[in-house]
Amino acid sequence: MGTRRPNALQWVWYTFGGKLPAHLSEWVLHDVTCRTWVLRHFLRALTQLAPFCVVVLLLPGPLHIRLSSIVLGLLVGLFYSASAMVETNEHRLIKHGYPPGIGRETRAIYRDLRRTARDEARRRRGWE
């Protein structure tokens, strides 16, 4: 991956569905295909849900009602985010100029490489 990363404002824009400049498209590919892509997806989802949580927290009413509303809202929001995780990430890649399906293919290649390296390490330990 290149060393270029989005700054904080660009990342927030990207998180809410915006398109990053072309020089950051390699970072986008890394973001949705690296080993921690699922955690990154949920971090983006939580960032999108945060403003709603703040609004609910500022509403009048008992604190326990507001907090339980936030927790339930987060659970529902994260559930829907998880259900569309792969498609959302593919859409991000397409928006940044990559062909459809490249995210799944890249994750599969990385997974196979990690599996091969792990098997090689086990084999070497077995021979020593």
N, C-alpha and C. Protein backbone atom coordinates (compact mmCIF):
# COMPACT_ATOMS: atom_id res chain seq x y z
N MET A 1 0.84 -1.18 0.00
CA MET A 1 0.00 0.00 0.00
C MET A 1 0.88 1.24 0.00
N GLY A 2 0.43 2.27 -0.67
CA GLY A 2 1.15 3.53 -0.69
C GLY A 2 1.10 4.18 0.69
N THR A 3 1.95 5.16 0.87
CA THR A 3 2.02 5.83 2.16
C THR A 3 0.97 6.91 2.31
N ARG A 4 0.28 7.26 1.25
CA ARG A 4 -0.71 8.32 1.32
C ARG A 4 -1.98 7.83 1.99
N ARG A 5 -2.44 8.62 2.94
CA ARG A 5 -3.67 8.32 3.67
C ARG A 5 -4.53 9.58 3.68
N PRO A 6 -5.82 9.42 3.81
CA PRO A 6 -6.67 10.62 3.89
C PRO A 6 -6.47 11.34 5.22
N ASN A 7 -6.63 12.65 5.19
CA ASN A 7 -6.60 13.38 6.46
C ASN A 7 -7.94 13.18 7.17
N ALA A 8 -8.09 13.75 8.34
CA ALA A 8 -9.29 13.50 9.16
C ALA A 8 -10.57 13.93 8.44
N LEU A 9 -10.57 15.10 7.83
CA LEU A 9 -11.78 15.56 7.14
C LEU A 9 -12.10 14.69 5.94
N GLN A 10 -11.07 14.29 5.19
CA GLN A 10 -11.29 13.40 4.06
C GLN A 10 -11.85 12.06 4.53
N TRP A 11 -11.33 11.56 5.66
CA TRP A 11 -11.80 10.27 6.16
C TRP A 11 -13.27 10.35 6.56
N VAL A 12 -13.66 11.44 7.22
CA VAL A 12 -15.07 11.61 7.60
C VAL A 12 -15.93 11.70 6.35
N TRP A 13 -15.48 12.44 5.35
CA TRP A 13 -16.21 12.53 4.07
C TRP A 13 -16.37 11.15 3.45
N TYR A 14 -15.29 10.38 3.42
CA TYR A 14 -15.29 9.02 2.88
C TYR A 14 -16.21 8.11 3.69
N THR A 15 -16.19 8.26 5.00
CA THR A 15 -17.03 7.45 5.88
C THR A 15 -18.51 7.67 5.59
N PHE A 16 -18.89 8.89 5.28
CA PHE A 16 -20.29 9.19 4.99
C PHE A 16 -20.63 9.00 3.51
N GLY A 17 -19.74 8.33 2.75
CA GLY A 17 -20.05 7.97 1.38
C GLY A 17 -19.43 8.83 0.31
N GLY A 18 -18.60 9.79 0.70
CA GLY A 18 -17.98 10.65 -0.29
C GLY A 18 -16.83 9.98 -1.03
N LYS A 19 -16.51 10.54 -2.18
CA LYS A 19 -15.41 10.01 -2.99
C LYS A 19 -14.14 10.76 -2.66
N LEU A 20 -13.06 10.02 -2.44
CA LEU A 20 -11.76 10.62 -2.16
C LEU A 20 -11.06 10.97 -3.47
N PRO A 21 -10.05 11.84 -3.40
CA PRO A 21 -9.27 12.16 -4.60
C PRO A 21 -8.61 10.90 -5.17
N ALA A 22 -8.29 10.94 -6.46
CA ALA A 22 -7.75 9.78 -7.16
C ALA A 22 -6.46 9.26 -6.55
N HIS A 23 -5.63 10.16 -6.00
CA HIS A 23 -4.36 9.69 -5.43
C HIS A 23 -4.55 8.85 -4.16
N LEU A 24 -5.77 8.79 -3.62
CA LEU A 24 -6.04 7.97 -2.43
C LEU A 24 -6.79 6.68 -2.76
N SER A 25 -6.99 6.39 -4.03
CA SER A 25 -7.76 5.19 -4.39
C SER A 25 -7.06 3.91 -3.96
N GLU A 26 -5.73 3.91 -3.94
CA GLU A 26 -5.00 2.73 -3.47
C GLU A 26 -5.28 2.49 -1.97
N TRP A 27 -5.38 3.58 -1.22
CA TRP A 27 -5.71 3.46 0.20
C TRP A 27 -7.12 2.88 0.38
N VAL A 28 -8.06 3.29 -0.48
CA VAL A 28 -9.43 2.77 -0.40
C VAL A 28 -9.42 1.26 -0.62
N LEU A 29 -8.65 0.80 -1.61
CA LEU A 29 -8.54 -0.65 -1.84
C LEU A 29 -7.98 -1.34 -0.61
N HIS A 30 -6.97 -0.76 -0.02
CA HIS A 30 -6.40 -1.34 1.21
C HIS A 30 -7.45 -1.34 2.33
N ASP A 31 -8.17 -0.24 2.47
CA ASP A 31 -9.15 -0.09 3.55
C ASP A 31 -10.21 -1.18 3.53
N VAL A 32 -10.66 -1.57 2.37
CA VAL A 32 -11.76 -2.54 2.29
C VAL A 32 -11.29 -3.96 1.99
N THR A 33 -9.97 -4.18 1.95
CA THR A 33 -9.49 -5.54 1.67
C THR A 33 -8.43 -6.03 2.66
N CYS A 34 -7.95 -5.17 3.55
CA CYS A 34 -6.90 -5.60 4.48
C CYS A 34 -7.45 -6.60 5.49
N ARG A 35 -6.56 -7.12 6.31
CA ARG A 35 -6.93 -8.14 7.28
C ARG A 35 -8.00 -7.64 8.26
N THR A 36 -8.01 -6.35 8.55
CA THR A 36 -8.95 -5.78 9.52
C THR A 36 -10.13 -5.06 8.84
N TRP A 37 -10.47 -5.46 7.63
CA TRP A 37 -11.51 -4.75 6.87
C TRP A 37 -12.86 -4.76 7.58
N VAL A 38 -13.17 -5.82 8.30
CA VAL A 38 -14.46 -5.88 9.01
C VAL A 38 -14.48 -4.86 10.15
N LEU A 39 -13.40 -4.79 10.91
CA LEU A 39 -13.33 -3.80 11.99
C LEU A 39 -13.41 -2.38 11.45
N ARG A 40 -12.73 -2.14 10.33
CA ARG A 40 -12.78 -0.82 9.71
C ARG A 40 -14.20 -0.48 9.26
N HIS A 41 -14.90 -1.48 8.74
CA HIS A 41 -16.29 -1.26 8.30
C HIS A 41 -17.15 -0.84 9.50
N PHE A 42 -17.01 -1.55 10.62
CA PHE A 42 -17.81 -1.22 11.79
C PHE A 42 -17.41 0.13 12.39
N LEU A 43 -16.15 0.51 12.29
CA LEU A 43 -15.74 1.83 12.75
C LEU A 43 -16.42 2.91 11.90
N ARG A 44 -16.48 2.69 10.59
CA ARG A 44 -17.18 3.64 9.73
C ARG A 44 -18.67 3.69 10.09
N ALA A 45 -19.26 2.53 10.35
CA ALA A 45 -20.69 2.49 10.71
C ALA A 45 -20.94 3.23 12.03
N LEU A 46 -20.08 3.02 13.01
CA LEU A 46 -20.25 3.72 14.29
C LEU A 46 -20.07 5.23 14.12
N THR A 47 -19.18 5.62 13.23
CA THR A 47 -19.00 7.05 12.96
C THR A 47 -20.26 7.63 12.33
N GLN A 48 -20.90 6.88 11.47
CA GLN A 48 -22.14 7.35 10.85
C GLN A 48 -23.28 7.41 11.86
N LEU A 49 -23.28 6.53 12.84
CA LEU A 49 -24.35 6.49 13.84
C LEU A 49 -24.14 7.49 14.98
N ALA A 50 -22.92 7.96 15.16
CA ALA A 50 -22.60 8.84 16.29
C ALA A 50 -23.46 10.10 16.35
N PRO A 51 -23.69 10.81 15.25
CA PRO A 51 -24.53 12.02 15.37
C PRO A 51 -25.94 11.73 15.89
N PHE A 52 -26.51 10.61 15.49
CA PHE A 52 -27.85 10.25 15.99
C PHE A 52 -27.81 9.97 17.48
N CYS A 53 -26.74 9.34 17.93
CA CYS A 53 -26.60 9.06 19.36
C CYS A 53 -26.51 10.35 20.17
N VAL A 54 -25.78 11.32 19.65
CA VAL A 54 -25.66 12.61 20.34
C VAL A 54 -27.02 13.30 20.41
N VAL A 55 -27.77 13.27 19.32
CA VAL A 55 -29.09 13.91 19.30
C VAL A 55 -30.00 13.26 20.32
N VAL A 56 -30.01 11.93 20.37
CA VAL A 56 -30.87 11.23 21.34
C VAL A 56 -30.44 11.54 22.75
N LEU A 57 -29.14 11.65 22.98
CA LEU A 57 -28.64 11.95 24.32
C LEU A 57 -29.06 13.35 24.77
N LEU A 58 -29.20 14.27 23.83
CA LEU A 58 -29.57 15.65 24.17
C LEU A 58 -31.08 15.85 24.31
N LEU A 59 -31.88 14.87 23.95
CA LEU A 59 -33.33 14.99 24.09
C LEU A 59 -33.73 15.02 25.56
N PRO A 60 -34.84 15.66 25.86
CA PRO A 60 -35.30 15.64 27.26
C PRO A 60 -35.88 14.27 27.61
N GLY A 61 -35.82 13.94 28.87
CA GLY A 61 -36.39 12.68 29.33
C GLY A 61 -35.43 11.95 30.24
N PRO A 62 -35.89 10.85 30.82
CA PRO A 62 -35.04 10.09 31.74
C PRO A 62 -33.79 9.55 31.03
N LEU A 63 -32.67 9.61 31.73
CA LEU A 63 -31.41 9.19 31.15
C LEU A 63 -31.42 7.72 30.77
N HIS A 64 -32.03 6.88 31.58
CA HIS A 64 -32.02 5.45 31.27
C HIS A 64 -32.80 5.14 29.98
N ILE A 65 -33.83 5.91 29.70
CA ILE A 65 -34.59 5.73 28.46
C ILE A 65 -33.72 6.16 27.27
N ARG A 66 -33.05 7.29 27.40
CA ARG A 66 -32.20 7.77 26.32
C ARG A 66 -31.04 6.81 26.05
N LEU A 67 -30.41 6.31 27.11
CA LEU A 67 -29.28 5.39 26.93
C LEU A 67 -29.73 4.07 26.31
N SER A 68 -30.87 3.56 26.78
CA SER A 68 -31.34 2.30 26.19
C SER A 68 -31.76 2.51 24.73
N SER A 69 -32.27 3.68 24.41
CA SER A 69 -32.61 3.98 23.01
C SER A 69 -31.35 4.01 22.15
N ILE A 70 -30.29 4.58 22.68
CA ILE A 70 -29.02 4.62 21.95
C ILE A 70 -28.49 3.21 21.73
N VAL A 71 -28.50 2.40 22.77
CA VAL A 71 -27.99 1.03 22.65
C VAL A 71 -28.80 0.24 21.61
N LEU A 72 -30.12 0.33 21.69
CA LEU A 72 -30.95 -0.39 20.74
C LEU A 72 -30.76 0.14 19.31
N GLY A 73 -30.64 1.45 19.18
CA GLY A 73 -30.39 2.04 17.87
C GLY A 73 -29.06 1.59 17.29
N LEU A 74 -28.03 1.52 18.14
CA LEU A 74 -26.73 1.04 17.68
C LEU A 74 -26.80 -0.41 17.25
N LEU A 75 -27.51 -1.23 18.02
CA LEU A 75 -27.63 -2.65 17.66
C LEU A 75 -28.32 -2.82 16.31
N VAL A 76 -29.40 -2.09 16.10
CA VAL A 76 -30.12 -2.19 14.82
C VAL A 76 -29.25 -1.64 13.69
N GLY A 77 -28.61 -0.50 13.91
CA GLY A 77 -27.77 0.10 12.89
C GLY A 77 -26.59 -0.80 12.51
N LEU A 78 -25.96 -1.40 13.50
CA LEU A 78 -24.83 -2.29 13.22
C LEU A 78 -25.29 -3.59 12.56
N PHE A 79 -26.48 -4.06 12.92
CA PHE A 79 -27.02 -5.25 12.26
C PHE A 79 -27.21 -5.00 10.76
N TYR A 80 -27.85 -3.88 10.43
CA TYR A 80 -28.08 -3.56 9.02
C TYR A 80 -26.76 -3.28 8.29
N SER A 81 -25.84 -2.67 8.99
CA SER A 81 -24.53 -2.42 8.39
C SER A 81 -23.81 -3.73 8.09
N ALA A 82 -23.90 -4.68 9.02
CA ALA A 82 -23.26 -5.99 8.81
C ALA A 82 -23.92 -6.75 7.66
N SER A 83 -25.23 -6.61 7.54
CA SER A 83 -25.93 -7.36 6.49
C SER A 83 -25.57 -6.88 5.09
N ALA A 84 -25.11 -5.64 4.97
CA ALA A 84 -24.75 -5.11 3.65
C ALA A 84 -23.26 -4.80 3.54
N MET A 85 -22.46 -5.39 4.41
CA MET A 85 -21.05 -5.06 4.51
C MET A 85 -20.28 -5.28 3.20
N VAL A 86 -20.39 -6.44 2.62
CA VAL A 86 -19.63 -6.76 1.40
C VAL A 86 -20.07 -5.86 0.25
N GLU A 87 -21.38 -5.69 0.08
CA GLU A 87 -21.88 -4.87 -1.01
C GLU A 87 -21.48 -3.40 -0.84
N THR A 88 -21.52 -2.90 0.38
CA THR A 88 -21.13 -1.52 0.65
C THR A 88 -19.67 -1.29 0.30
N ASN A 89 -18.83 -2.24 0.69
CA ASN A 89 -17.40 -2.09 0.39
C ASN A 89 -17.13 -2.21 -1.11
N GLU A 90 -17.84 -3.09 -1.79
CA GLU A 90 -17.69 -3.18 -3.25
C GLU A 90 -18.10 -1.86 -3.91
N HIS A 91 -19.17 -1.26 -3.41
CA HIS A 91 -19.63 0.02 -3.96
C HIS A 91 -18.57 1.11 -3.77
N ARG A 92 -17.92 1.10 -2.61
CA ARG A 92 -16.84 2.07 -2.36
C ARG A 92 -15.74 1.92 -3.40
N LEU A 93 -15.38 0.67 -3.69
CA LEU A 93 -14.31 0.42 -4.67
C LEU A 93 -14.73 0.85 -6.07
N ILE A 94 -15.95 0.54 -6.45
CA ILE A 94 -16.44 0.93 -7.77
C ILE A 94 -16.45 2.45 -7.89
N LYS A 95 -16.87 3.13 -6.83
CA LYS A 95 -16.90 4.59 -6.82
C LYS A 95 -15.50 5.18 -7.02
N HIS A 96 -14.48 4.45 -6.57
CA HIS A 96 -13.11 4.94 -6.69
C HIS A 96 -12.38 4.37 -7.91
N GLY A 97 -13.13 3.82 -8.87
CA GLY A 97 -12.56 3.44 -10.14
C GLY A 97 -12.14 2.00 -10.30
N TYR A 98 -12.44 1.14 -9.34
CA TYR A 98 -12.07 -0.27 -9.46
C TYR A 98 -13.20 -1.06 -10.10
N PRO A 99 -12.86 -2.16 -10.76
CA PRO A 99 -13.91 -2.98 -11.39
C PRO A 99 -14.74 -3.73 -10.36
N PRO A 100 -15.99 -4.04 -10.66
CA PRO A 100 -16.83 -4.80 -9.73
C PRO A 100 -16.19 -6.15 -9.37
N GLY A 101 -16.29 -6.52 -8.12
CA GLY A 101 -15.79 -7.81 -7.66
C GLY A 101 -14.35 -7.81 -7.20
N ILE A 102 -13.64 -6.69 -7.38
CA ILE A 102 -12.22 -6.65 -7.02
C ILE A 102 -12.00 -6.81 -5.52
N GLY A 103 -12.92 -6.33 -4.72
CA GLY A 103 -12.77 -6.44 -3.26
C GLY A 103 -12.80 -7.89 -2.81
N ARG A 104 -13.80 -8.63 -3.27
CA ARG A 104 -13.89 -10.05 -2.91
C ARG A 104 -12.66 -10.82 -3.38
N GLU A 105 -12.25 -10.55 -4.63
CA GLU A 105 -11.09 -11.26 -5.18
C GLU A 105 -9.82 -10.94 -4.40
N THR A 106 -9.62 -9.68 -4.07
CA THR A 106 -8.42 -9.28 -3.33
C THR A 106 -8.41 -9.88 -1.94
N ARG A 107 -9.55 -9.86 -1.26
CA ARG A 107 -9.61 -10.48 0.08
C ARG A 107 -9.34 -11.98 -0.01
N ALA A 108 -9.84 -12.63 -1.04
CA ALA A 108 -9.59 -14.08 -1.22
C ALA A 108 -8.11 -14.35 -1.45
N ILE A 109 -7.46 -13.53 -2.26
CA ILE A 109 -6.02 -13.69 -2.51
C ILE A 109 -5.24 -13.50 -1.22
N TYR A 110 -5.54 -12.44 -0.47
CA TYR A 110 -4.85 -12.20 0.80
C TYR A 110 -5.07 -13.36 1.77
N ARG A 111 -6.31 -13.85 1.83
CA ARG A 111 -6.62 -14.96 2.73
C ARG A 111 -5.81 -16.21 2.34
N ASP A 112 -5.73 -16.49 1.03
CA ASP A 112 -4.95 -17.65 0.58
C ASP A 112 -3.47 -17.47 0.88
N LEU A 113 -2.94 -16.27 0.70
CA LEU A 113 -1.53 -16.02 1.01
C LEU A 113 -1.24 -16.21 2.49
N ARG A 114 -2.12 -15.69 3.35
CA ARG A 114 -1.92 -15.88 4.80
C ARG A 114 -2.01 -17.34 5.17
N ARG A 115 -2.95 -18.06 4.57
CA ARG A 115 -3.10 -19.49 4.85
C ARG A 115 -1.85 -20.26 4.41
N THR A 116 -1.33 -19.94 3.24
CA THR A 116 -0.13 -20.61 2.73
C THR A 116 1.06 -20.31 3.62
N ALA A 117 1.23 -19.07 4.03
CA ALA A 117 2.34 -18.72 4.92
C ALA A 117 2.22 -19.43 6.26
N ARG A 118 1.01 -19.51 6.78
CA ARG A 118 0.80 -20.20 8.06
C ARG A 118 1.10 -21.69 7.91
N ASP A 119 0.68 -22.31 6.81
CA ASP A 119 0.95 -23.73 6.58
C ASP A 119 2.45 -23.98 6.40
N GLU A 120 3.12 -23.07 5.70
CA GLU A 120 4.57 -23.20 5.53
C GLU A 120 5.28 -23.14 6.87
N ALA A 121 4.87 -22.20 7.72
CA ALA A 121 5.49 -22.07 9.04
C ALA A 121 5.26 -23.34 9.86
N ARG A 122 4.07 -23.89 9.79
CA ARG A 122 3.79 -25.14 10.52
C ARG A 122 4.63 -26.29 9.99
N ARG A 123 4.77 -26.36 8.66
CA ARG A 123 5.58 -27.41 8.05
C ARG A 123 7.04 -27.30 8.48
N ARG A 124 7.57 -26.08 8.49
CA ARG A 124 8.96 -25.88 8.89
C ARG A 124 9.17 -26.27 10.35
N ARG A 125 8.22 -25.93 11.20
CA ARG A 125 8.35 -26.32 12.62
C ARG A 125 8.29 -27.83 12.77
N GLY A 126 7.51 -28.49 11.93
CA GLY A 126 7.38 -29.94 12.00
C GLY A 126 8.64 -30.66 11.59
N TRP A 127 9.43 -30.06 10.68
CA TRP A 127 10.67 -30.69 10.18
C TRP A 127 11.84 -30.44 11.10
N GLU A 128 11.77 -29.41 11.91
CA GLU A 128 12.91 -29.08 12.77
C GLU A 128 12.91 -29.87 14.04
